[in-house]
Amino acid sequence: MLAAALVFAAAPRAHAASYPDHPVKVIVPFPAGGITDVVTRMIAQKLSERLGQQFFIDDIGGAGGNIGMADAAHAPGDGYAILFASSSIVVNPNLYKHVPFDVDKDFIPVTKAGATPNAWLVNSDFPAKTMQDLIALMKANPGKYSVASPGTGTTPSLSIEMLKQDLGVDFVTVPFTGGAPMDQSLLGGFTPIACSAFGNVAPLILQGKVRALAIASKTRLEALPDVPTLQEIGIKGEEAETMTGVFVPAGTPAAIVNLLQKQIAEIVRLPDVKAKLLSFGIVPDGDSSADFATYVKDEIAKWKRVIEVSKIHKI
């Protein structure tokens, strides 16, 4: 009996020691081609090269990421299913009436691979040259201006609500069905003000087609050294980003979690990978599993507060 118990207890360690010994499914809870998918493919390719097994992508879109995240939540905790999620995993629990997973119970946070901060933008012809100009215009003309977001429940849409709450400004919010239609409306001047994840509009900013007024991050971006943070101009506590976070199903052995965290942290800091991530507006991270777990908890609480105060109707 004791011998059997010892064999059973040793089994997870032996399994982890030989990991991976067959292909690993990497779940992206969105259609192919989006920023989460692009970042995941870069990292998965490097994992395949380093660990000697294929890390293959399975794009499972739908319901704001909930379908793919539920698929990952219900997978065996053996390291052969990994989830690369966006910030929807920390927003959706308080945005949807019914969420088919429990972040605390169903997942182990591995690391934040990287994140792209939200940016406040205007059409190149818009009169505001700074964020202070924009706020002054809004306060002087309540209800006159429209601010676009890539969709209800995205972190940019919630950044818009935070600004409304904190500064008491009055404007019309216009949620689009994604970044592409929002960009077209911004470029055309139909909604000349927008808040978007920097990674989704980086080419437009760098080409001078739209103007970035402020970044919702703790520090300035390497790609936009002349654009101030909101905190620099006196708007505090509004840091907001769209992350690419790595999770595994509950029950995954700690040795596998630690291996994945170490490998991904090293990968995102490789010069070629870091350069590509920065070109997409993604700031590499690779924090510890414990630090990432704290980040996830804090983000869920922050967005819950914003959703409740803004009285956003649950989907």
C-alpha atoms as a PDB file:
ATOM      1  CA  MET A   1       0.000   0.000   0.000  1.00  0.00           C
ATOM      2  CA  LEU A   2       2.805   2.372   0.976  1.00  0.00           C
ATOM      3  CA  ALA A   3       4.770   1.432  -2.162  1.00  0.00           C
ATOM      4  CA  ALA A   4       1.743   2.168  -4.344  1.00  0.00           C
ATOM      5  CA  ALA A   5       1.283   5.533  -2.655  1.00  0.00           C
ATOM      6  CA  LEU A   6       4.941   6.395  -3.231  1.00  0.00           C
ATOM      7  CA  VAL A   7       4.687   5.478  -6.910  1.00  0.00           C
ATOM      8  CA  PHE A   8       1.546   7.599  -7.270  1.00  0.00           C
ATOM      9  CA  ALA A   9       3.151  10.559  -5.495  1.00  0.00           C
ATOM     10  CA  ALA A  10       6.219  10.360  -7.715  1.00  0.00           C
ATOM     11  CA  ALA A  11       4.223  10.155 -10.949  1.00  0.00           C
ATOM     12  CA  PRO A  12       3.567  13.913 -11.424  1.00  0.00           C
ATOM     13  CA  ARG A  13       7.263  14.683 -10.869  1.00  0.00           C
ATOM     14  CA  ALA A  14       8.363  12.056 -13.384  1.00  0.00           C
ATOM     15  CA  HIS A  15       5.818  13.313 -15.895  1.00  0.00           C
ATOM     16  CA  ALA A  16       6.960  16.899 -15.433  1.00  0.00           C
ATOM     17  CA  ALA A  17      10.606  15.904 -15.775  1.00  0.00           C
ATOM     18  CA  SER A  18       9.994  14.455 -19.255  1.00  0.00           C
ATOM     19  CA  TYR A  19       7.747  17.306 -20.389  1.00  0.00           C
ATOM     20  CA  PRO A  20       6.923  17.732 -23.188  1.00  0.00           C
ATOM     21  CA  ASP A  21       6.996  14.289 -24.773  1.00  0.00           C
ATOM     22  CA  HIS A  22       4.302  14.989 -27.388  1.00  0.00           C
ATOM     23  CA  PRO A  23       2.804  18.071 -29.119  1.00  0.00           C
ATOM     24  CA  VAL A  24       1.279  20.821 -26.973  1.00  0.00           C
ATOM     25  CA  LYS A  25      -1.946  22.641 -27.878  1.00  0.00           C
ATOM     26  CA  VAL A  26      -1.775  26.413 -27.488  1.00  0.00           C
ATOM     27  CA  ILE A  27      -5.257  27.923 -27.342  1.00  0.00           C
ATOM     28  CA  VAL A  28      -5.896  31.465 -28.576  1.00  0.00           C
ATOM     29  CA  PRO A  29      -9.502  32.469 -27.791  1.00  0.00           C
ATOM     30  CA  PHE A  30      -9.836  34.697 -30.870  1.00  0.00           C
ATOM     31  CA  PRO A  31      -9.776  34.260 -34.657  1.00  0.00           C
ATOM     32  CA  ALA A  32      -6.399  34.072 -36.384  1.00  0.00           C
ATOM     33  CA  GLY A  33      -4.685  37.303 -37.363  1.00  0.00           C
ATOM     34  CA  GLY A  34      -5.360  39.418 -34.293  1.00  0.00           C
ATOM     35  CA  ILE A  35      -2.640  40.783 -32.044  1.00  0.00           C
ATOM     36  CA  THR A  36      -3.025  37.972 -29.465  1.00  0.00           C
ATOM     37  CA  ASP A  37      -2.691  35.357 -32.207  1.00  0.00           C
ATOM     38  CA  VAL A  38       0.355  37.065 -33.749  1.00  0.00           C
ATOM     39  CA  VAL A  39       2.194  37.329 -30.420  1.00  0.00           C
ATOM     40  CA  THR A  40       1.308  33.750 -29.502  1.00  0.00           C
ATOM     41  CA  ARG A  41       2.664  32.377 -32.779  1.00  0.00           C
ATOM     42  CA  MET A  42       6.011  34.082 -32.229  1.00  0.00           C
ATOM     43  CA  ILE A  43       6.359  32.586 -28.768  1.00  0.00           C
ATOM     44  CA  ALA A  44       5.011  29.146 -29.714  1.00  0.00           C
ATOM     45  CA  GLN A  45       7.572  28.819 -32.502  1.00  0.00           C
ATOM     46  CA  LYS A  46      10.399  29.516 -30.060  1.00  0.00           C
ATOM     47  CA  LEU A  47       8.957  27.075 -27.519  1.00  0.00           C
ATOM     48  CA  SER A  48       8.903  24.382 -30.217  1.00  0.00           C
ATOM     49  CA  GLU A  49      12.540  25.064 -31.063  1.00  0.00           C
ATOM     50  CA  ARG A  50      13.681  25.089 -27.442  1.00  0.00           C
ATOM     51  CA  LEU A  51      11.685  22.174 -26.037  1.00  0.00           C
ATOM     52  CA  GLY A  52      11.774  19.806 -28.996  1.00  0.00           C
ATOM     53  CA  GLN A  53       8.029  19.331 -29.442  1.00  0.00           C
ATOM     54  CA  GLN A  54       5.495  21.153 -31.564  1.00  0.00           C
ATOM     55  CA  PHE A  55       3.496  23.859 -29.801  1.00  0.00           C
ATOM     56  CA  PHE A  56       0.594  24.178 -32.229  1.00  0.00           C
ATOM     57  CA  ILE A  57      -1.975  26.979 -32.290  1.00  0.00           C
ATOM     58  CA  ASP A  58      -5.695  26.326 -31.927  1.00  0.00           C
ATOM     59  CA  ASP A  59      -7.681  29.523 -32.579  1.00  0.00           C
ATOM     60  CA  ILE A  60     -11.079  29.181 -30.868  1.00  0.00           C
ATOM     61  CA  GLY A  61     -12.969  32.451 -31.274  1.00  0.00           C
ATOM     62  CA  GLY A  62     -16.403  33.538 -30.126  1.00  0.00           C
ATOM     63  CA  ALA A  63     -18.258  35.260 -27.282  1.00  0.00           C
ATOM     64  CA  GLY A  64     -15.530  37.777 -26.593  1.00  0.00           C
ATOM     65  CA  GLY A  65     -13.007  35.014 -25.967  1.00  0.00           C
ATOM     66  CA  ASN A  66     -15.220  33.047 -23.570  1.00  0.00           C
ATOM     67  CA  ILE A  67     -15.514  29.952 -25.768  1.00  0.00           C
ATOM     68  CA  GLY A  68     -11.777  29.460 -26.147  1.00  0.00           C
ATOM     69  CA  MET A  69     -11.086  30.277 -22.508  1.00  0.00           C
ATOM     70  CA  ALA A  70     -13.716  27.736 -21.409  1.00  0.00           C
ATOM     71  CA  ASP A  71     -12.089  25.129 -23.656  1.00  0.00           C
ATOM     72  CA  ALA A  72      -8.762  25.758 -21.920  1.00  0.00           C
ATOM     73  CA  ALA A  73     -10.349  25.782 -18.465  1.00  0.00           C
ATOM     74  CA  HIS A  74     -11.813  22.332 -18.983  1.00  0.00           C
ATOM     75  CA  ALA A  75      -8.670  20.766 -20.465  1.00  0.00           C
ATOM     76  CA  PRO A  76      -6.604  18.307 -18.385  1.00  0.00           C
ATOM     77  CA  GLY A  77      -4.015  19.912 -16.105  1.00  0.00           C
ATOM     78  CA  ASP A  78      -1.078  18.101 -17.630  1.00  0.00           C
ATOM     79  CA  GLY A  79       0.739  20.884 -19.492  1.00  0.00           C
ATOM     80  CA  TYR A  80      -0.511  19.860 -22.924  1.00  0.00           C
ATOM     81  CA  ALA A  81      -3.044  22.663 -23.145  1.00  0.00           C
ATOM     82  CA  ILE A  82      -1.866  26.262 -22.693  1.00  0.00           C
ATOM     83  CA  LEU A  83      -3.987  29.393 -22.957  1.00  0.00           C
ATOM     84  CA  PHE A  84      -2.697  32.689 -24.347  1.00  0.00           C
ATOM     85  CA  ALA A  85      -5.393  35.163 -23.318  1.00  0.00           C
ATOM     86  CA  SER A  86      -5.941  38.871 -23.743  1.00  0.00           C
ATOM     87  CA  SER A  87      -7.321  41.169 -21.063  1.00  0.00           C
ATOM     88  CA  SER A  88     -10.753  39.714 -21.767  1.00  0.00           C
ATOM     89  CA  ILE A  89      -9.936  37.106 -19.126  1.00  0.00           C
ATOM     90  CA  VAL A  90      -9.884  39.838 -16.446  1.00  0.00           C
ATOM     91  CA  VAL A  91     -12.801  41.852 -17.868  1.00  0.00           C
ATOM     92  CA  ASN A  92     -15.331  39.211 -18.914  1.00  0.00           C
ATOM     93  CA  PRO A  93     -16.091  37.817 -15.422  1.00  0.00           C
ATOM     94  CA  ASN A  94     -17.812  41.124 -14.625  1.00  0.00           C
ATOM     95  CA  LEU A  95     -19.002  42.005 -18.134  1.00  0.00           C
ATOM     96  CA  TYR A  96     -20.968  38.865 -18.991  1.00  0.00           C
ATOM     97  CA  LYS A  97     -23.970  37.496 -17.125  1.00  0.00           C
ATOM     98  CA  HIS A  98     -22.714  33.943 -17.527  1.00  0.00           C
ATOM     99  CA  VAL A  99     -19.012  33.112 -17.868  1.00  0.00           C
ATOM    100  CA  PRO A 100     -18.169  29.429 -18.521  1.00  0.00           C
ATOM    101  CA  PHE A 101     -15.001  29.456 -16.423  1.00  0.00           C
ATOM    102  CA  ASP A 102     -13.687  30.636 -13.065  1.00  0.00           C
ATOM    103  CA  VAL A 103     -10.370  32.461 -13.307  1.00  0.00           C
ATOM    104  CA  ASP A 104      -9.381  31.589  -9.727  1.00  0.00           C
ATOM    105  CA  LYS A 105     -10.416  27.938  -9.739  1.00  0.00           C
ATOM    106  CA  ASP A 106      -9.847  26.848 -13.335  1.00  0.00           C
ATOM    107  CA  PHE A 107      -6.472  28.400 -14.171  1.00  0.00           C
ATOM    108  CA  ILE A 108      -2.911  28.790 -12.943  1.00  0.00           C
ATOM    109  CA  PRO A 109      -1.341  32.073 -14.118  1.00  0.00           C
ATOM    110  CA  VAL A 110       2.054  31.431 -15.753  1.00  0.00           C
ATOM    111  CA  THR A 111       3.307  34.840 -16.886  1.00  0.00           C
ATOM    112  CA  LYS A 112       2.383  38.031 -18.681  1.00  0.00           C
ATOM    113  CA  ALA A 113       4.211  37.723 -21.979  1.00  0.00           C
ATOM    114  CA  GLY A 114       3.666  41.379 -22.739  1.00  0.00           C
ATOM    115  CA  ALA A 115       1.101  44.141 -23.033  1.00  0.00           C
ATOM    116  CA  THR A 116       0.204  47.112 -25.179  1.00  0.00           C
ATOM    117  CA  PRO A 117      -0.991  50.203 -23.304  1.00  0.00           C
ATOM    118  CA  ASN A 118      -4.074  52.141 -24.290  1.00  0.00           C
ATOM    119  CA  ALA A 119      -3.560  55.387 -26.173  1.00  0.00           C
ATOM    120  CA  TRP A 120      -5.727  58.489 -26.552  1.00  0.00           C
ATOM    121  CA  LEU A 121      -5.824  59.517 -30.207  1.00  0.00           C
ATOM    122  CA  VAL A 122      -7.224  62.169 -32.489  1.00  0.00           C
ATOM    123  CA  ASN A 123      -7.558  62.545 -36.225  1.00  0.00           C
ATOM    124  CA  SER A 124      -4.586  64.461 -37.654  1.00  0.00           C
ATOM    125  CA  ASP A 125      -6.888  67.410 -38.522  1.00  0.00           C
ATOM    126  CA  PHE A 126      -8.456  67.663 -35.061  1.00  0.00           C
ATOM    127  CA  PRO A 127      -7.630  70.962 -33.297  1.00  0.00           C
ATOM    128  CA  ALA A 128      -6.430  69.455 -29.994  1.00  0.00           C
ATOM    129  CA  LYS A 129      -2.647  69.099 -29.997  1.00  0.00           C
ATOM    130  CA  THR A 130      -2.321  67.781 -26.432  1.00  0.00           C
ATOM    131  CA  MET A 131      -4.404  65.750 -23.986  1.00  0.00           C
ATOM    132  CA  GLN A 132      -4.893  68.924 -21.956  1.00  0.00           C
ATOM    133  CA  ASP A 133      -6.324  70.614 -25.073  1.00  0.00           C
ATOM    134  CA  LEU A 134      -8.714  67.723 -25.603  1.00  0.00           C
ATOM    135  CA  ILE A 135      -9.983  67.746 -22.021  1.00  0.00           C
ATOM    136  CA  ALA A 136     -10.450  71.530 -22.143  1.00  0.00           C
ATOM    137  CA  LEU A 137     -12.500  71.214 -25.358  1.00  0.00           C
ATOM    138  CA  MET A 138     -14.674  68.502 -23.843  1.00  0.00           C
ATOM    139  CA  LYS A 139     -15.296  70.482 -20.661  1.00  0.00           C
ATOM    140  CA  ALA A 140     -16.139  73.631 -22.616  1.00  0.00           C
ATOM    141  CA  ASN A 141     -18.536  71.732 -24.914  1.00  0.00           C
ATOM    142  CA  PRO A 142     -20.348  69.055 -22.866  1.00  0.00           C
ATOM    143  CA  GLY A 143     -21.974  66.363 -24.979  1.00  0.00           C
ATOM    144  CA  LYS A 144     -20.572  67.714 -28.245  1.00  0.00           C
ATOM    145  CA  TYR A 145     -17.735  65.292 -28.933  1.00  0.00           C
ATOM    146  CA  SER A 146     -17.736  61.562 -29.674  1.00  0.00           C
ATOM    147  CA  VAL A 147     -15.033  59.145 -28.526  1.00  0.00           C
ATOM    148  CA  ALA A 148     -14.627  55.822 -30.339  1.00  0.00           C
ATOM    149  CA  SER A 149     -13.520  52.497 -28.888  1.00  0.00           C
ATOM    150  CA  PRO A 150     -12.942  49.103 -30.541  1.00  0.00           C
ATOM    151  CA  GLY A 151     -15.900  47.628 -28.657  1.00  0.00           C
ATOM    152  CA  THR A 152     -17.865  47.483 -25.417  1.00  0.00           C
ATOM    153  CA  GLY A 153     -15.915  45.742 -22.682  1.00  0.00           C
ATOM    154  CA  THR A 154     -12.504  46.174 -24.281  1.00  0.00           C
ATOM    155  CA  THR A 155      -9.954  47.828 -22.029  1.00  0.00           C
ATOM    156  CA  PRO A 156      -9.969  50.962 -24.250  1.00  0.00           C
ATOM    157  CA  SER A 157     -13.738  51.280 -23.769  1.00  0.00           C
ATOM    158  CA  LEU A 158     -13.213  50.967 -20.021  1.00  0.00           C
ATOM    159  CA  SER A 159     -10.398  53.525 -20.149  1.00  0.00           C
ATOM    160  CA  ILE A 160     -12.917  55.916 -21.673  1.00  0.00           C
ATOM    161  CA  GLU A 161     -15.294  55.274 -18.780  1.00  0.00           C
ATOM    162  CA  MET A 162     -12.498  55.850 -16.255  1.00  0.00           C
ATOM    163  CA  LEU A 163     -11.743  59.256 -17.766  1.00  0.00           C
ATOM    164  CA  LYS A 164     -15.424  60.159 -17.622  1.00  0.00           C
ATOM    165  CA  GLN A 165     -15.614  59.138 -13.974  1.00  0.00           C
ATOM    166  CA  ASP A 166     -12.383  60.756 -12.834  1.00  0.00           C
ATOM    167  CA  LEU A 167     -12.654  64.083 -14.676  1.00  0.00           C
ATOM    168  CA  GLY A 168     -16.414  64.466 -14.916  1.00  0.00           C
ATOM    169  CA  VAL A 169     -16.309  65.149 -18.646  1.00  0.00           C
ATOM    170  CA  ASP A 170     -19.398  64.669 -20.815  1.00  0.00           C
ATOM    171  CA  PHE A 171     -19.071  63.142 -24.275  1.00  0.00           C
ATOM    172  CA  VAL A 172     -20.702  60.472 -26.432  1.00  0.00           C
ATOM    173  CA  THR A 173     -19.063  57.045 -26.499  1.00  0.00           C
ATOM    174  CA  VAL A 174     -19.145  55.104 -29.769  1.00  0.00           C
ATOM    175  CA  PRO A 175     -18.247  51.404 -29.486  1.00  0.00           C
ATOM    176  CA  PHE A 176     -17.314  49.756 -32.776  1.00  0.00           C
ATOM    177  CA  THR A 177     -17.227  46.048 -33.577  1.00  0.00           C
ATOM    178  CA  GLY A 178     -13.443  45.912 -33.654  1.00  0.00           C
ATOM    179  CA  GLY A 179     -10.295  47.891 -34.220  1.00  0.00           C
ATOM    180  CA  ALA A 180     -10.495  48.025 -38.027  1.00  0.00           C
ATOM    181  CA  PRO A 181     -13.877  49.808 -38.318  1.00  0.00           C
ATOM    182  CA  MET A 182     -12.876  52.142 -35.484  1.00  0.00           C
ATOM    183  CA  ASP A 183      -9.656  53.031 -37.331  1.00  0.00           C
ATOM    184  CA  GLN A 184     -11.571  53.813 -40.528  1.00  0.00           C
ATOM    185  CA  SER A 185     -13.950  56.113 -38.660  1.00  0.00           C
ATOM    186  CA  LEU A 186     -11.029  57.835 -36.916  1.00  0.00           C
ATOM    187  CA  LEU A 187      -9.140  58.331 -40.180  1.00  0.00           C
ATOM    188  CA  GLY A 188     -12.252  59.650 -41.908  1.00  0.00           C
ATOM    189  CA  GLY A 189     -12.961  62.112 -39.109  1.00  0.00           C
ATOM    190  CA  PHE A 190     -16.410  60.666 -38.387  1.00  0.00           C
ATOM    191  CA  THR A 191     -15.304  59.965 -34.808  1.00  0.00           C
ATOM    192  CA  PRO A 192     -12.167  62.117 -34.620  1.00  0.00           C
ATOM    193  CA  ILE A 193     -11.321  61.058 -31.045  1.00  0.00           C
ATOM    194  CA  ALA A 194     -10.573  57.494 -29.977  1.00  0.00           C
ATOM    195  CA  CYS A 195      -9.028  55.341 -27.302  1.00  0.00           C
ATOM    196  CA  SER A 196      -7.325  52.196 -28.528  1.00  0.00           C
ATOM    197  CA  ALA A 197      -4.645  49.701 -27.601  1.00  0.00           C
ATOM    198  CA  PHE A 198      -1.448  51.175 -28.994  1.00  0.00           C
ATOM    199  CA  GLY A 199      -0.565  47.923 -30.752  1.00  0.00           C
ATOM    200  CA  ASN A 200      -3.671  48.167 -32.914  1.00  0.00           C
ATOM    201  CA  VAL A 201      -2.938  51.704 -34.130  1.00  0.00           C
ATOM    202  CA  ALA A 202       0.869  51.848 -34.002  1.00  0.00           C
ATOM    203  CA  PRO A 203       1.286  52.010 -37.821  1.00  0.00           C
ATOM    204  CA  LEU A 204      -1.241  54.856 -38.110  1.00  0.00           C
ATOM    205  CA  ILE A 205       0.529  56.842 -35.396  1.00  0.00           C
ATOM    206  CA  LEU A 206       4.027  56.237 -36.725  1.00  0.00           C
ATOM    207  CA  GLN A 207       2.900  57.189 -40.259  1.00  0.00           C
ATOM    208  CA  GLY A 208       1.397  60.450 -38.954  1.00  0.00           C
ATOM    209  CA  LYS A 209      -2.140  59.543 -39.991  1.00  0.00           C
ATOM    210  CA  VAL A 210      -3.448  59.949 -36.440  1.00  0.00           C
ATOM    211  CA  ARG A 211      -1.977  61.786 -33.465  1.00  0.00           C
ATOM    212  CA  ALA A 212      -1.356  60.183 -30.069  1.00  0.00           C
ATOM    213  CA  LEU A 213      -2.033  62.600 -27.209  1.00  0.00           C
ATOM    214  CA  ALA A 214      -1.292  60.397 -24.200  1.00  0.00           C
ATOM    215  CA  ILE A 215      -0.443  56.840 -23.210  1.00  0.00           C
ATOM    216  CA  ALA A 216      -2.142  55.027 -20.319  1.00  0.00           C
ATOM    217  CA  SER A 217       1.060  53.447 -18.995  1.00  0.00           C
ATOM    218  CA  LYS A 218       3.432  54.039 -16.096  1.00  0.00           C
ATOM    219  CA  THR A 219       6.302  55.053 -18.383  1.00  0.00           C
ATOM    220  CA  ARG A 220       6.612  56.429 -21.899  1.00  0.00           C
ATOM    221  CA  LEU A 221       6.900  54.009 -24.798  1.00  0.00           C
ATOM    222  CA  GLU A 222      10.167  53.540 -26.656  1.00  0.00           C
ATOM    223  CA  ALA A 223       8.231  53.853 -29.901  1.00  0.00           C
ATOM    224  CA  LEU A 224       6.610  57.154 -28.817  1.00  0.00           C
ATOM    225  CA  PRO A 225       9.195  58.964 -26.699  1.00  0.00           C
ATOM    226  CA  ASP A 226       7.517  62.357 -27.174  1.00  0.00           C
ATOM    227  CA  VAL A 227       4.040  61.226 -26.080  1.00  0.00           C
ATOM    228  CA  PRO A 228       3.433  61.728 -22.339  1.00  0.00           C
ATOM    229  CA  THR A 229       1.710  59.323 -19.994  1.00  0.00           C
ATOM    230  CA  LEU A 230      -1.599  60.313 -18.431  1.00  0.00           C
ATOM    231  CA  GLN A 231       0.123  60.378 -15.052  1.00  0.00           C
ATOM    232  CA  GLU A 232       2.669  62.918 -16.309  1.00  0.00           C
ATOM    233  CA  ILE A 233      -0.107  65.360 -17.129  1.00  0.00           C
ATOM    234  CA  GLY A 234      -1.809  64.892 -13.773  1.00  0.00           C
ATOM    235  CA  ILE A 235      -4.348  62.138 -14.533  1.00  0.00           C
ATOM    236  CA  LYS A 236      -3.398  59.487 -12.003  1.00  0.00           C
ATOM    237  CA  GLY A 237      -4.489  55.891 -11.544  1.00  0.00           C
ATOM    238  CA  GLU A 238      -5.680  55.343 -15.115  1.00  0.00           C
ATOM    239  CA  GLU A 239      -3.018  52.928 -16.325  1.00  0.00           C
ATOM    240  CA  ALA A 240      -4.692  50.469 -18.681  1.00  0.00           C
ATOM    241  CA  GLU A 241      -3.428  47.968 -21.208  1.00  0.00           C
ATOM    242  CA  THR A 242      -4.334  44.967 -23.307  1.00  0.00           C
ATOM    243  CA  MET A 243      -2.145  42.099 -22.225  1.00  0.00           C
ATOM    244  CA  THR A 244      -1.112  38.765 -23.637  1.00  0.00           C
ATOM    245  CA  GLY A 245      -1.195  36.500 -20.593  1.00  0.00           C
ATOM    246  CA  VAL A 246      -0.291  32.821 -20.348  1.00  0.00           C
ATOM    247  CA  PHE A 247      -2.357  30.377 -18.275  1.00  0.00           C
ATOM    248  CA  VAL A 248      -2.568  26.621 -17.802  1.00  0.00           C
ATOM    249  CA  PRO A 249      -5.484  24.577 -16.450  1.00  0.00           C
ATOM    250  CA  ALA A 250      -5.700  24.007 -12.704  1.00  0.00           C
ATOM    251  CA  GLY A 251      -3.812  20.919 -11.582  1.00  0.00           C
ATOM    252  CA  THR A 252      -0.863  21.439 -13.905  1.00  0.00           C
ATOM    253  CA  PRO A 253       2.310  20.391 -12.026  1.00  0.00           C
ATOM    254  CA  ALA A 254       4.360  23.239 -10.586  1.00  0.00           C
ATOM    255  CA  ALA A 255       7.463  22.004 -12.413  1.00  0.00           C
ATOM    256  CA  ILE A 256       5.711  22.507 -15.766  1.00  0.00           C
ATOM    257  CA  VAL A 257       4.387  25.928 -14.741  1.00  0.00           C
ATOM    258  CA  ASN A 258       7.893  26.964 -13.719  1.00  0.00           C
ATOM    259  CA  LEU A 259       9.429  25.611 -16.922  1.00  0.00           C
ATOM    260  CA  LEU A 260       6.943  27.476 -19.120  1.00  0.00           C
ATOM    261  CA  GLN A 261       7.375  30.710 -17.149  1.00  0.00           C
ATOM    262  CA  LYS A 262      11.169  30.525 -17.422  1.00  0.00           C
ATOM    263  CA  GLN A 263      11.128  29.720 -21.132  1.00  0.00           C
ATOM    264  CA  ILE A 264       8.579  32.398 -22.076  1.00  0.00           C
ATOM    265  CA  ALA A 265      10.351  35.036 -19.965  1.00  0.00           C
ATOM    266  CA  GLU A 266      13.600  34.268 -21.800  1.00  0.00           C
ATOM    267  CA  ILE A 267      11.901  34.162 -25.216  1.00  0.00           C
ATOM    268  CA  VAL A 268      10.242  37.594 -24.970  1.00  0.00           C
ATOM    269  CA  ARG A 269      13.615  39.097 -24.041  1.00  0.00           C
ATOM    270  CA  LEU A 270      15.482  37.624 -27.009  1.00  0.00           C
ATOM    271  CA  PRO A 271      16.643  40.537 -29.200  1.00  0.00           C
ATOM    272  CA  ASP A 272      14.779  39.372 -32.315  1.00  0.00           C
ATOM    273  CA  VAL A 273      11.542  38.612 -30.449  1.00  0.00           C
ATOM    274  CA  LYS A 274      11.706  41.791 -28.376  1.00  0.00           C
ATOM    275  CA  ALA A 275      12.198  43.866 -31.534  1.00  0.00           C
ATOM    276  CA  LYS A 276       9.184  42.237 -33.202  1.00  0.00           C
ATOM    277  CA  LEU A 277       7.010  42.685 -30.117  1.00  0.00           C
ATOM    278  CA  LEU A 278       7.936  46.351 -29.858  1.00  0.00           C
ATOM    279  CA  SER A 279       7.160  46.808 -33.556  1.00  0.00           C
ATOM    280  CA  PHE A 280       3.615  45.607 -32.763  1.00  0.00           C
ATOM    281  CA  GLY A 281       3.389  47.989 -29.818  1.00  0.00           C
ATOM    282  CA  ILE A 282       3.806  45.169 -27.299  1.00  0.00           C
ATOM    283  CA  VAL A 283       6.054  45.824 -24.312  1.00  0.00           C
ATOM    284  CA  PRO A 284       7.685  42.491 -23.323  1.00  0.00           C
ATOM    285  CA  ASP A 285       7.324  41.329 -19.729  1.00  0.00           C
ATOM    286  CA  GLY A 286       7.834  37.740 -18.507  1.00  0.00           C
ATOM    287  CA  ASP A 287       7.002  38.284 -14.823  1.00  0.00           C
ATOM    288  CA  SER A 288       6.930  35.478 -12.258  1.00  0.00           C
ATOM    289  CA  SER A 289       3.872  33.292 -11.823  1.00  0.00           C
ATOM    290  CA  ALA A 290       3.251  34.810  -8.380  1.00  0.00           C
ATOM    291  CA  ASP A 291       3.527  38.385  -9.649  1.00  0.00           C
ATOM    292  CA  PHE A 292       1.265  37.594 -12.581  1.00  0.00           C
ATOM    293  CA  ALA A 293      -1.337  36.063 -10.249  1.00  0.00           C
ATOM    294  CA  THR A 294      -1.355  39.314  -8.244  1.00  0.00           C
ATOM    295  CA  TYR A 295      -1.681  41.333 -11.457  1.00  0.00           C
ATOM    296  CA  VAL A 296      -4.672  39.228 -12.590  1.00  0.00           C
ATOM    297  CA  LYS A 297      -6.405  39.667  -9.227  1.00  0.00           C
ATOM    298  CA  ASP A 298      -5.829  43.424  -9.260  1.00  0.00           C
ATOM    299  CA  GLU A 299      -7.024  43.796 -12.868  1.00  0.00           C
ATOM    300  CA  ILE A 300     -10.250  41.896 -12.179  1.00  0.00           C
ATOM    301  CA  ALA A 301     -10.976  44.165  -9.193  1.00  0.00           C
ATOM    302  CA  LYS A 302     -10.154  47.330 -11.152  1.00  0.00           C
ATOM    303  CA  TRP A 303     -12.376  46.545 -14.118  1.00  0.00           C
ATOM    304  CA  LYS A 304     -15.182  45.308 -11.867  1.00  0.00           C
ATOM    305  CA  ARG A 305     -15.184  48.715 -10.170  1.00  0.00           C
ATOM    306  CA  VAL A 306     -15.224  50.581 -13.498  1.00  0.00           C
ATOM    307  CA  ILE A 307     -18.033  48.424 -14.906  1.00  0.00           C
ATOM    308  CA  GLU A 308     -20.167  48.823 -11.787  1.00  0.00           C
ATOM    309  CA  VAL A 309     -19.663  52.587 -11.409  1.00  0.00           C
ATOM    310  CA  SER A 310     -20.311  53.135 -15.126  1.00  0.00           C
ATOM    311  CA  LYS A 311     -23.434  50.950 -14.901  1.00  0.00           C
ATOM    312  CA  ILE A 312     -22.440  49.022 -18.002  1.00  0.00           C
ATOM    313  CA  HIS A 313     -25.151  46.473 -18.743  1.00  0.00           C
ATOM    314  CA  LYS A 314     -23.930  42.908 -18.649  1.00  0.00           C
ATOM    315  CA  ILE A 315     -23.897  41.045 -21.937  1.00  0.00           C
END
